[in-house]
Amino acid sequence: YGVLVFFLVSGYIIPASLERGGDVRAFWISRIFRL
């Protein structure tokens, strides 16, 4: 249950984060420093 909630949140927000910035390099910089 907890895992599925996490995956739904990731699916909701990750593509939006990439599309909002519009730059894959900035996206990967933020992801690497996040994780």
PDB file of all heavy atoms in Angstrom:
ATOM      1  N   TYR A   1       0.838  -1.206   0.000  1.00  0.00           N
ATOM      2  CA  TYR A   1       0.000   0.000   0.000  1.00  0.00           C
ATOM      3  C   TYR A   1       0.872   1.254   0.000  1.00  0.00           C
ATOM      4  O   TYR A   1       0.681   2.179  -0.804  1.00  0.00           O
ATOM      5  CB  TYR A   1      -0.921  -0.032   1.214  1.00  0.00           C
ATOM      6  CG  TYR A   1      -1.495   1.309   1.604  1.00  0.00           C
ATOM      7  CD1 TYR A   1      -2.591   1.830   0.939  1.00  0.00           C
ATOM      8  CD2 TYR A   1      -0.920   2.055   2.640  1.00  0.00           C
ATOM      9  CE1 TYR A   1      -3.114   3.070   1.291  1.00  0.00           C
ATOM     10  CE2 TYR A   1      -1.438   3.283   3.002  1.00  0.00           C
ATOM     11  CZ  TYR A   1      -2.536   3.783   2.324  1.00  0.00           C
ATOM     12  OH  TYR A   1      -3.040   5.011   2.670  1.00  0.00           O
ATOM     13  N   GLY A   2       1.852   1.315   0.904  1.00  0.00           N
ATOM     14  CA  GLY A   2       2.738   2.466   0.958  1.00  0.00           C
ATOM     15  C   GLY A   2       3.533   2.647  -0.314  1.00  0.00           C
ATOM     16  O   GLY A   2       3.709   3.775  -0.804  1.00  0.00           O
ATOM     17  N   VAL A   3       4.007   1.537  -0.878  1.00  0.00           N
ATOM     18  CA  VAL A   3       4.785   1.597  -2.115  1.00  0.00           C
ATOM     19  C   VAL A   3       3.936   2.131  -3.270  1.00  0.00           C
ATOM     20  O   VAL A   3       4.385   2.967  -4.062  1.00  0.00           O
ATOM     21  CB  VAL A   3       5.337   0.195  -2.453  1.00  0.00           C
ATOM     22  CG1 VAL A   3       5.873   0.151  -3.878  1.00  0.00           C
ATOM     23  CG2 VAL A   3       6.425  -0.197  -1.474  1.00  0.00           C
ATOM     24  N   LEU A   4       2.705   1.651  -3.386  1.00  0.00           N
ATOM     25  CA  LEU A   4       1.832   2.112  -4.473  1.00  0.00           C
ATOM     26  C   LEU A   4       1.528   3.601  -4.342  1.00  0.00           C
ATOM     27  O   LEU A   4       1.469   4.325  -5.345  1.00  0.00           O
ATOM     28  CB  LEU A   4       0.537   1.303  -4.487  1.00  0.00           C
ATOM     29  CG  LEU A   4       0.662  -0.157  -4.924  1.00  0.00           C
ATOM     30  CD1 LEU A   4      -0.688  -0.859  -4.824  1.00  0.00           C
ATOM     31  CD2 LEU A   4       1.205  -0.271  -6.331  1.00  0.00           C
ATOM     32  N   VAL A   5       1.345   4.081  -3.118  1.00  0.00           N
ATOM     33  CA  VAL A   5       1.130   5.514  -2.913  1.00  0.00           C
ATOM     34  C   VAL A   5       2.346   6.292  -3.398  1.00  0.00           C
ATOM     35  O   VAL A   5       2.223   7.310  -4.099  1.00  0.00           O
ATOM     36  CB  VAL A   5       0.843   5.811  -1.428  1.00  0.00           C
ATOM     37  CG1 VAL A   5       0.892   7.313  -1.164  1.00  0.00           C
ATOM     38  CG2 VAL A   5      -0.518   5.256  -1.024  1.00  0.00           C
ATOM     39  N   PHE A   6       3.545   5.824  -3.055  1.00  0.00           N
ATOM     40  CA  PHE A   6       4.766   6.483  -3.504  1.00  0.00           C
ATOM     41  C   PHE A   6       4.864   6.508  -5.027  1.00  0.00           C
ATOM     42  O   PHE A   6       5.225   7.525  -5.625  1.00  0.00           O
ATOM     43  CB  PHE A   6       5.988   5.764  -2.944  1.00  0.00           C
ATOM     44  CG  PHE A   6       6.314   6.145  -1.536  1.00  0.00           C
ATOM     45  CD1 PHE A   6       6.591   5.172  -0.594  1.00  0.00           C
ATOM     46  CD2 PHE A   6       6.351   7.469  -1.135  1.00  0.00           C
ATOM     47  CE1 PHE A   6       6.910   5.509   0.710  1.00  0.00           C
ATOM     48  CE2 PHE A   6       6.670   7.824   0.161  1.00  0.00           C
ATOM     49  CZ  PHE A   6       6.945   6.838   1.093  1.00  0.00           C
ATOM     50  N   PHE A   7       4.570   5.389  -5.668  1.00  0.00           N
ATOM     51  CA  PHE A   7       4.684   5.323  -7.121  1.00  0.00           C
ATOM     52  C   PHE A   7       3.663   6.229  -7.805  1.00  0.00           C
ATOM     53  O   PHE A   7       3.952   6.817  -8.849  1.00  0.00           O
ATOM     54  CB  PHE A   7       4.528   3.874  -7.604  1.00  0.00           C
ATOM     55  CG  PHE A   7       5.759   3.034  -7.384  1.00  0.00           C
ATOM     56  CD1 PHE A   7       5.655   1.736  -6.900  1.00  0.00           C
ATOM     57  CD2 PHE A   7       7.023   3.521  -7.683  1.00  0.00           C
ATOM     58  CE1 PHE A   7       6.786   0.950  -6.708  1.00  0.00           C
ATOM     59  CE2 PHE A   7       8.155   2.750  -7.486  1.00  0.00           C
ATOM     60  CZ  PHE A   7       8.036   1.459  -6.993  1.00  0.00           C
ATOM     61  N   LEU A   8       2.466   6.330  -7.244  1.00  0.00           N
ATOM     62  CA  LEU A   8       1.480   7.258  -7.802  1.00  0.00           C
ATOM     63  C   LEU A   8       1.965   8.701  -7.698  1.00  0.00           C
ATOM     64  O   LEU A   8       1.822   9.492  -8.637  1.00  0.00           O
ATOM     65  CB  LEU A   8       0.146   7.098  -7.075  1.00  0.00           C
ATOM     66  CG  LEU A   8      -0.706   5.890  -7.476  1.00  0.00           C
ATOM     67  CD1 LEU A   8      -1.862   5.709  -6.497  1.00  0.00           C
ATOM     68  CD2 LEU A   8      -1.242   6.040  -8.895  1.00  0.00           C
ATOM     69  N   VAL A   9       2.567   9.048  -6.559  1.00  0.00           N
ATOM     70  CA  VAL A   9       3.094  10.404  -6.379  1.00  0.00           C
ATOM     71  C   VAL A   9       4.223  10.669  -7.378  1.00  0.00           C
ATOM     72  O   VAL A   9       4.278  11.734  -8.005  1.00  0.00           O
ATOM     73  CB  VAL A   9       3.582  10.610  -4.934  1.00  0.00           C
ATOM     74  CG1 VAL A   9       4.351  11.927  -4.799  1.00  0.00           C
ATOM     75  CG2 VAL A   9       2.407  10.584  -3.965  1.00  0.00           C
ATOM     76  N   SER A  10       5.128   9.710  -7.548  1.00  0.00           N
ATOM     77  CA  SER A  10       6.222   9.880  -8.507  1.00  0.00           C
ATOM     78  C   SER A  10       5.686  10.051  -9.917  1.00  0.00           C
ATOM     79  O   SER A  10       6.146  10.917 -10.671  1.00  0.00           O
ATOM     80  CB  SER A  10       7.173   8.682  -8.442  1.00  0.00           C
ATOM     81  OG  SER A  10       7.896   8.663  -7.241  1.00  0.00           O
ATOM     82  N   GLY A  11       4.728   9.213 -10.286  1.00  0.00           N
ATOM     83  CA  GLY A  11       4.152   9.337 -11.621  1.00  0.00           C
ATOM     84  C   GLY A  11       3.455  10.657 -11.833  1.00  0.00           C
ATOM     85  O   GLY A  11       3.498  11.229 -12.932  1.00  0.00           O
ATOM     86  N   TYR A  12       2.843  11.169 -10.791  1.00  0.00           N
ATOM     87  CA  TYR A  12       2.146  12.451 -10.877  1.00  0.00           C
ATOM     88  C   TYR A  12       3.124  13.599 -11.084  1.00  0.00           C
ATOM     89  O   TYR A  12       2.879  14.512 -11.883  1.00  0.00           O
ATOM     90  CB  TYR A  12       1.332  12.655  -9.598  1.00  0.00           C
ATOM     91  CG  TYR A  12       0.562  13.954  -9.534  1.00  0.00           C
ATOM     92  CD1 TYR A  12      -0.754  14.031  -9.966  1.00  0.00           C
ATOM     93  CD2 TYR A  12       1.149  15.101  -9.011  1.00  0.00           C
ATOM     94  CE1 TYR A  12      -1.469  15.219  -9.896  1.00  0.00           C
ATOM     95  CE2 TYR A  12       0.444  16.287  -8.928  1.00  0.00           C
ATOM     96  CZ  TYR A  12      -0.857  16.348  -9.372  1.00  0.00           C
ATOM     97  OH  TYR A  12      -1.551  17.524  -9.300  1.00  0.00           O
ATOM     98  N   ILE A  13       4.262  13.569 -10.388  1.00  0.00           N
ATOM     99  CA  ILE A  13       5.098  14.762 -10.305  1.00  0.00           C
ATOM    100  C   ILE A  13       6.337  14.746 -11.192  1.00  0.00           C
ATOM    101  O   ILE A  13       6.813  15.800 -11.631  1.00  0.00           O
ATOM    102  CB  ILE A  13       5.503  14.993  -8.830  1.00  0.00           C
ATOM    103  CG1 ILE A  13       5.738  16.490  -8.579  1.00  0.00           C
ATOM    104  CG2 ILE A  13       6.703  14.182  -8.434  1.00  0.00           C
ATOM    105  CD1 ILE A  13       4.516  17.339  -8.764  1.00  0.00           C
ATOM    106  N   ILE A  14       6.917  13.581 -11.473  1.00  0.00           N
ATOM    107  CA  ILE A  14       8.196  13.553 -12.188  1.00  0.00           C
ATOM    108  C   ILE A  14       8.079  14.090 -13.613  1.00  0.00           C
ATOM    109  O   ILE A  14       8.855  14.973 -14.017  1.00  0.00           O
ATOM    110  CB  ILE A  14       8.786  12.132 -12.182  1.00  0.00           C
ATOM    111  CG1 ILE A  14       9.287  11.788 -10.779  1.00  0.00           C
ATOM    112  CG2 ILE A  14       9.938  12.015 -13.170  1.00  0.00           C
ATOM    113  CD1 ILE A  14      10.358  12.732 -10.263  1.00  0.00           C
ATOM    114  N   PRO A  15       7.146  13.603 -14.433  1.00  0.00           N
ATOM    115  CA  PRO A  15       7.036  14.190 -15.780  1.00  0.00           C
ATOM    116  C   PRO A  15       6.730  15.681 -15.739  1.00  0.00           C
ATOM    117  O   PRO A  15       7.250  16.450 -16.549  1.00  0.00           O
ATOM    118  CB  PRO A  15       5.886  13.399 -16.421  1.00  0.00           C
ATOM    119  CG  PRO A  15       5.856  12.110 -15.668  1.00  0.00           C
ATOM    120  CD  PRO A  15       6.206  12.486 -14.261  1.00  0.00           C
ATOM    121  N   ALA A  16       5.913  16.106 -14.766  1.00  0.00           N
ATOM    122  CA  ALA A  16       5.591  17.529 -14.644  1.00  0.00           C
ATOM    123  C   ALA A  16       6.843  18.332 -14.325  1.00  0.00           C
ATOM    124  O   ALA A  16       7.029  19.447 -14.834  1.00  0.00           O
ATOM    125  CB  ALA A  16       4.542  17.731 -13.551  1.00  0.00           C
ATOM    126  N   SER A  17       7.725  17.780 -13.486  1.00  0.00           N
ATOM    127  CA  SER A  17       8.961  18.467 -13.144  1.00  0.00           C
ATOM    128  C   SER A  17       9.847  18.649 -14.364  1.00  0.00           C
ATOM    129  O   SER A  17      10.410  19.729 -14.581  1.00  0.00           O
ATOM    130  CB  SER A  17       9.701  17.671 -12.059  1.00  0.00           C
ATOM    131  OG  SER A  17      10.947  18.262 -11.766  1.00  0.00           O
ATOM    132  N   LEU A  18       9.960  17.619 -15.168  1.00  0.00           N
ATOM    133  CA  LEU A  18      10.763  17.712 -16.386  1.00  0.00           C
ATOM    134  C   LEU A  18      10.163  18.688 -17.381  1.00  0.00           C
ATOM    135  O   LEU A  18      10.866  19.536 -17.950  1.00  0.00           O
ATOM    136  CB  LEU A  18      10.902  16.322 -17.021  1.00  0.00           C
ATOM    137  CG  LEU A  18      11.588  16.247 -18.386  1.00  0.00           C
ATOM    138  CD1 LEU A  18      12.982  16.851 -18.339  1.00  0.00           C
ATOM    139  CD2 LEU A  18      11.645  14.799 -18.867  1.00  0.00           C
ATOM    140  N   GLU A  19       8.860  18.600 -17.579  1.00  0.00           N
ATOM    141  CA  GLU A  19       8.208  19.457 -18.579  1.00  0.00           C
ATOM    142  C   GLU A  19       8.169  20.910 -18.132  1.00  0.00           C
ATOM    143  O   GLU A  19       8.237  21.817 -18.962  1.00  0.00           O
ATOM    144  CB  GLU A  19       6.795  18.931 -18.846  1.00  0.00           C
ATOM    145  CG  GLU A  19       6.789  17.568 -19.510  1.00  0.00           C
ATOM    146  CD  GLU A  19       5.439  16.888 -19.450  1.00  0.00           C
ATOM    147  OE1 GLU A  19       4.424  17.607 -19.276  1.00  0.00           O
ATOM    148  OE2 GLU A  19       5.383  15.650 -19.549  1.00  0.00           O
ATOM    149  N   ARG A  20       8.072  21.130 -16.827  1.00  0.00           N
ATOM    150  CA  ARG A  20       8.034  22.504 -16.334  1.00  0.00           C
ATOM    151  C   ARG A  20       9.340  23.227 -16.644  1.00  0.00           C
ATOM    152  O   ARG A  20       9.353  24.374 -17.090  1.00  0.00           O
ATOM    153  CB  ARG A  20       7.777  22.524 -14.827  1.00  0.00           C
ATOM    154  CG  ARG A  20       7.630  23.926 -14.257  1.00  0.00           C
ATOM    155  CD  ARG A  20       7.330  23.893 -12.774  1.00  0.00           C
ATOM    156  NE  ARG A  20       8.445  23.411 -11.983  1.00  0.00           N
ATOM    157  CZ  ARG A  20       8.502  22.226 -11.378  1.00  0.00           C
ATOM    158  NH1 ARG A  20       7.493  21.385 -11.494  1.00  0.00           N
ATOM    159  NH2 ARG A  20       9.546  21.864 -10.663  1.00  0.00           N
ATOM    160  N   GLY A  21      10.462  22.578 -16.416  1.00  0.00           N
ATOM    161  CA  GLY A  21      11.750  23.183 -16.726  1.00  0.00           C
ATOM    162  C   GLY A  21      12.085  23.114 -18.202  1.00  0.00           C
ATOM    163  O   GLY A  21      12.724  24.008 -18.746  1.00  0.00           O
ATOM    164  N   GLY A  22      11.660  22.015 -18.845  1.00  0.00           N
ATOM    165  CA  GLY A  22      11.897  21.868 -20.275  1.00  0.00           C
ATOM    166  C   GLY A  22      13.328  21.564 -20.642  1.00  0.00           C
ATOM    167  O   GLY A  22      13.707  21.676 -21.815  1.00  0.00           O
ATOM    168  N   ASP A  23      14.151  21.138 -19.680  1.00  0.00           N
ATOM    169  CA  ASP A  23      15.557  20.862 -19.961  1.00  0.00           C
ATOM    170  C   ASP A  23      15.960  19.589 -19.223  1.00  0.00           C
ATOM    171  O   ASP A  23      15.892  19.530 -17.989  1.00  0.00           O
ATOM    172  CB  ASP A  23      16.427  22.034 -19.518  1.00  0.00           C
ATOM    173  CG  ASP A  23      17.906  21.796 -19.809  1.00  0.00           C
ATOM    174  OD1 ASP A  23      18.280  21.848 -20.988  1.00  0.00           O
ATOM    175  OD2 ASP A  23      18.663  21.556 -18.849  1.00  0.00           O
ATOM    176  N   VAL A  24      16.382  18.592 -19.972  1.00  0.00           N
ATOM    177  CA  VAL A  24      16.696  17.305 -19.348  1.00  0.00           C
ATOM    178  C   VAL A  24      17.944  17.385 -18.483  1.00  0.00           C
ATOM    179  O   VAL A  24      18.061  16.663 -17.488  1.00  0.00           O
ATOM    180  CB  VAL A  24      16.852  16.201 -20.414  1.00  0.00           C
ATOM    181  CG1 VAL A  24      15.523  15.880 -21.056  1.00  0.00           C
ATOM    182  CG2 VAL A  24      17.875  16.580 -21.473  1.00  0.00           C
ATOM    183  N   ARG A  25      18.890  18.264 -18.832  1.00  0.00           N
ATOM    184  CA  ARG A  25      20.097  18.352 -18.022  1.00  0.00           C
ATOM    185  C   ARG A  25      19.773  18.929 -16.644  1.00  0.00           C
ATOM    186  O   ARG A  25      20.234  18.415 -15.618  1.00  0.00           O
ATOM    187  CB  ARG A  25      21.151  19.207 -18.715  1.00  0.00           C
ATOM    188  CG  ARG A  25      22.545  19.048 -18.096  1.00  0.00           C
ATOM    189  CD  ARG A  25      23.573  19.926 -18.787  1.00  0.00           C
ATOM    190  NE  ARG A  25      23.672  19.643 -20.206  1.00  0.00           N
ATOM    191  CZ  ARG A  25      24.534  20.266 -21.017  1.00  0.00           C
ATOM    192  NH1 ARG A  25      25.323  21.219 -20.536  1.00  0.00           N
ATOM    193  NH2 ARG A  25      24.577  19.965 -22.300  1.00  0.00           N
ATOM    194  N   ALA A  26      18.957  19.976 -16.589  1.00  0.00           N
ATOM    195  CA  ALA A  26      18.543  20.530 -15.303  1.00  0.00           C
ATOM    196  C   ALA A  26      17.745  19.506 -14.503  1.00  0.00           C
ATOM    197  O   ALA A  26      17.880  19.410 -13.271  1.00  0.00           O
ATOM    198  CB  ALA A  26      17.720  21.796 -15.528  1.00  0.00           C
ATOM    199  N   PHE A  27      16.907  18.740 -15.187  1.00  0.00           N
ATOM    200  CA  PHE A  27      16.118  17.702 -14.529  1.00  0.00           C
ATOM    201  C   PHE A  27      17.030  16.685 -13.852  1.00  0.00           C
ATOM    202  O   PHE A  27      16.833  16.342 -12.681  1.00  0.00           O
ATOM    203  CB  PHE A  27      15.220  17.014 -15.560  1.00  0.00           C
ATOM    204  CG  PHE A  27      14.556  15.761 -15.068  1.00  0.00           C
ATOM    205  CD1 PHE A  27      13.448  15.823 -14.248  1.00  0.00           C
ATOM    206  CD2 PHE A  27      15.046  14.509 -15.425  1.00  0.00           C
ATOM    207  CE1 PHE A  27      12.825  14.668 -13.787  1.00  0.00           C
ATOM    208  CE2 PHE A  27      14.439  13.350 -14.976  1.00  0.00           C
ATOM    209  CZ  PHE A  27      13.323  13.424 -14.154  1.00  0.00           C
ATOM    210  N   TRP A  28      18.046  16.189 -14.566  1.00  0.00           N
ATOM    211  CA  TRP A  28      18.922  15.181 -14.000  1.00  0.00           C
ATOM    212  C   TRP A  28      19.806  15.739 -12.893  1.00  0.00           C
ATOM    213  O   TRP A  28      20.132  15.039 -11.931  1.00  0.00           O
ATOM    214  CB  TRP A  28      19.760  14.522 -15.096  1.00  0.00           C
ATOM    215  CG  TRP A  28      18.983  13.442 -15.776  1.00  0.00           C
ATOM    216  CD1 TRP A  28      18.262  13.529 -16.922  1.00  0.00           C
ATOM    217  CD2 TRP A  28      18.820  12.093 -15.309  1.00  0.00           C
ATOM    218  NE1 TRP A  28      17.648  12.322 -17.214  1.00  0.00           N
ATOM    219  CE2 TRP A  28      17.984  11.427 -16.240  1.00  0.00           C
ATOM    220  CE3 TRP A  28      19.295  11.392 -14.216  1.00  0.00           C
ATOM    221  CZ2 TRP A  28      17.628  10.095 -16.096  1.00  0.00           C
ATOM    222  CZ3 TRP A  28      18.940  10.054 -14.068  1.00  0.00           C
ATOM    223  CH2 TRP A  28      18.113   9.423 -15.002  1.00  0.00           C
ATOM    224  N   ILE A  29      20.195  16.995 -13.003  1.00  0.00           N
ATOM    225  CA  ILE A  29      20.949  17.618 -11.908  1.00  0.00           C
ATOM    226  C   ILE A  29      20.116  17.599 -10.626  1.00  0.00           C
ATOM    227  O   ILE A  29      20.597  17.194  -9.557  1.00  0.00           O
ATOM    228  CB  ILE A  29      21.333  19.070 -12.268  1.00  0.00           C
ATOM    229  CG1 ILE A  29      22.412  19.080 -13.357  1.00  0.00           C
ATOM    230  CG2 ILE A  29      21.839  19.819 -11.028  1.00  0.00           C
ATOM    231  CD1 ILE A  29      22.702  20.461 -13.904  1.00  0.00           C
ATOM    232  N   SER A  30      18.864  18.014 -10.724  1.00  0.00           N
ATOM    233  CA  SER A  30      18.016  18.052  -9.528  1.00  0.00           C
ATOM    234  C   SER A  30      17.750  16.655  -8.985  1.00  0.00           C
ATOM    235  O   SER A  30      17.741  16.441  -7.768  1.00  0.00           O
ATOM    236  CB  SER A  30      16.699  18.769  -9.841  1.00  0.00           C
ATOM    237  OG  SER A  30      15.927  18.036 -10.780  1.00  0.00           O
ATOM    238  N   ARG A  31      17.547  15.677  -9.873  1.00  0.00           N
ATOM    239  CA  ARG A  31      17.283  14.308  -9.413  1.00  0.00           C
ATOM    240  C   ARG A  31      18.494  13.706  -8.711  1.00  0.00           C
ATOM    241  O   ARG A  31      18.360  13.038  -7.681  1.00  0.00           O
ATOM    242  CB  ARG A  31      16.894  13.418 -10.604  1.00  0.00           C
ATOM    243  CG  ARG A  31      15.575  13.741 -11.249  1.00  0.00           C
ATOM    244  CD  ARG A  31      14.416  13.637 -10.285  1.00  0.00           C
ATOM    245  NE  ARG A  31      14.117  14.909  -9.672  1.00  0.00           N
ATOM    246  CZ  ARG A  31      13.582  15.074  -8.489  1.00  0.00           C
ATOM    247  NH1 ARG A  31      13.286  14.041  -7.753  1.00  0.00           N
ATOM    248  NH2 ARG A  31      13.338  16.264  -7.999  1.00  0.00           N
ATOM    249  N   ILE A  32      19.675  13.897  -9.268  1.00  0.00           N
ATOM    250  CA  ILE A  32      20.884  13.326  -8.674  1.00  0.00           C
ATOM    251  C   ILE A  32      21.124  13.906  -7.287  1.00  0.00           C
ATOM    252  O   ILE A  32      21.412  13.174  -6.329  1.00  0.00           O
ATOM    253  CB  ILE A  32      22.094  13.564  -9.603  1.00  0.00           C
ATOM    254  CG1 ILE A  32      21.985  12.662 -10.839  1.00  0.00           C
ATOM    255  CG2 ILE A  32      23.409  13.301  -8.866  1.00  0.00           C
ATOM    256  CD1 ILE A  32      23.001  12.965 -11.915  1.00  0.00           C
ATOM    257  N   PHE A  33      20.980  15.221  -7.148  1.00  0.00           N
ATOM    258  CA  PHE A  33      21.196  15.838  -5.846  1.00  0.00           C
ATOM    259  C   PHE A  33      20.050  15.531  -4.882  1.00  0.00           C
ATOM    260  O   PHE A  33      20.225  15.663  -3.664  1.00  0.00           O
ATOM    261  CB  PHE A  33      21.371  17.351  -6.004  1.00  0.00           C
ATOM    262  CG  PHE A  33      22.763  17.746  -6.405  1.00  0.00           C
ATOM    263  CD1 PHE A  33      23.106  17.848  -7.738  1.00  0.00           C
ATOM    264  CD2 PHE A  33      23.734  18.001  -5.444  1.00  0.00           C
ATOM    265  CE1 PHE A  33      24.401  18.203  -8.113  1.00  0.00           C
ATOM    266  CE2 PHE A  33      25.021  18.357  -5.805  1.00  0.00           C
ATOM    267  CZ  PHE A  33      25.361  18.464  -7.144  1.00  0.00           C
ATOM    268  N   ARG A  34      18.917  15.128  -5.401  1.00  0.00           N
ATOM    269  CA  ARG A  34      17.795  14.754  -4.544  1.00  0.00           C
ATOM    270  C   ARG A  34      17.959  13.354  -3.982  1.00  0.00           C
ATOM    271  O   ARG A  34      17.703  13.114  -2.801  1.00  0.00           O
ATOM    272  CB  ARG A  34      16.475  14.845  -5.331  1.00  0.00           C
ATOM    273  CG  ARG A  34      15.239  14.452  -4.514  1.00  0.00           C
ATOM    274  CD  ARG A  34      15.017  15.445  -3.387  1.00  0.00           C
ATOM    275  NE  ARG A  34      13.874  15.074  -2.563  1.00  0.00           N
ATOM    276  CZ  ARG A  34      13.966  14.349  -1.445  1.00  0.00           C
ATOM    277  NH1 ARG A  34      15.138  13.915  -1.038  1.00  0.00           N
ATOM    278  NH2 ARG A  34      12.896  14.080  -0.741  1.00  0.00           N
ATOM    279  N   LEU A  35      18.402  12.423  -4.796  1.00  0.00           N
ATOM    280  CA  LEU A  35      18.413  11.021  -4.402  1.00  0.00           C
ATOM    281  C   LEU A  35      19.750  10.531  -3.862  1.00  0.00           C
ATOM    282  O   LEU A  35      19.803   9.803  -2.865  1.00  0.00           O
ATOM    283  CB  LEU A  35      18.007  10.140  -5.584  1.00  0.00           C
ATOM    284  CG  LEU A  35      16.566  10.247  -6.078  1.00  0.00           C
ATOM    285  CD1 LEU A  35      16.335   9.228  -7.182  1.00  0.00           C
ATOM    286  CD2 LEU A  35      15.577  10.043  -4.955  1.00  0.00           C
TER     287      LEU A  35
END
